[in-house]
Amino acid sequence: MDIIYVLVPLSIALLAIAVAIFFWAVKGGQFDDLDSPAHKILFDDDEYLNERREDST
């Protein structure tokens, strides 16, 4: 039963740390644009191929 006196404050402290890290990430702009990276990967190869074609001519 004595372990509860340690585990409850420890869990509250870990929760507070997790919430603080989440708000830090939101404030830092981590979740501003979630769609562009997914679409950008589709067009990366096209730019590379266009550069290679221009270099070879």
Protein backbone atom coordinates (compact mmCIF):
# COMPACT_ATOMS: atom_id res chain seq x y z
CA MET A 1 0.00 0.00 0.00
CA ASP A 2 2.90 2.36 0.61
CA ILE A 3 3.96 2.11 -3.04
CA ILE A 4 0.81 3.99 -4.06
CA TYR A 5 2.18 7.06 -2.28
CA VAL A 6 5.09 6.93 -4.71
CA LEU A 7 3.32 5.82 -7.88
CA VAL A 8 0.50 8.39 -7.88
CA PRO A 9 2.78 11.47 -7.73
CA LEU A 10 5.16 9.80 -10.19
CA SER A 11 2.35 9.19 -12.68
CA ILE A 12 1.07 12.75 -12.28
CA ALA A 13 4.60 14.08 -12.87
CA LEU A 14 5.02 11.94 -16.00
CA LEU A 15 1.65 13.10 -17.30
CA ALA A 16 2.61 16.73 -16.71
CA ILE A 17 5.89 16.19 -18.59
CA ALA A 18 4.07 14.55 -21.51
CA VAL A 19 1.55 17.41 -21.72
CA ALA A 20 4.34 19.99 -21.57
CA ILE A 21 6.22 18.24 -24.40
CA PHE A 22 3.03 18.10 -26.48
CA PHE A 23 2.33 21.82 -26.06
CA TRP A 24 6.00 22.59 -26.80
CA ALA A 25 5.70 20.65 -30.07
CA VAL A 26 2.46 22.43 -31.00
CA LYS A 27 3.97 25.83 -30.24
CA GLY A 28 7.07 24.94 -32.26
CA GLY A 29 4.98 24.23 -35.37
CA GLN A 30 5.36 20.46 -35.56
CA PHE A 31 1.71 19.96 -36.47
CA ASP A 32 1.15 22.97 -38.73
CA ASP A 33 1.24 21.22 -42.08
CA LEU A 34 0.51 17.50 -42.08
CA ASP A 35 -0.48 17.12 -45.75
CA SER A 36 2.42 18.64 -47.69
CA PRO A 37 5.11 16.11 -46.68
CA ALA A 38 2.86 13.26 -47.81
CA HIS A 39 2.32 14.88 -51.22
CA LYS A 40 5.86 16.16 -51.57
CA ILE A 41 7.32 12.67 -51.65
CA LEU A 42 5.36 11.99 -54.83
CA PHE A 43 7.06 14.85 -56.70
CA ASP A 44 10.66 14.54 -55.48
CA ASP A 45 11.65 12.06 -58.18
CA ASP A 46 10.28 14.23 -60.97
CA GLU A 47 12.54 17.12 -60.00
CA TYR A 48 15.57 14.83 -59.90
CA LEU A 49 14.78 13.40 -63.35
CA ASN A 50 14.28 16.88 -64.82
CA GLU A 51 17.68 17.99 -63.48
CA ARG A 52 19.37 14.93 -64.99
CA ARG A 53 17.74 15.57 -68.38
CA GLU A 54 18.92 19.19 -68.37
CA ASP A 55 22.46 18.17 -67.43
CA SER A 56 22.71 15.58 -70.21
CA THR A 57 21.63 17.96 -72.99
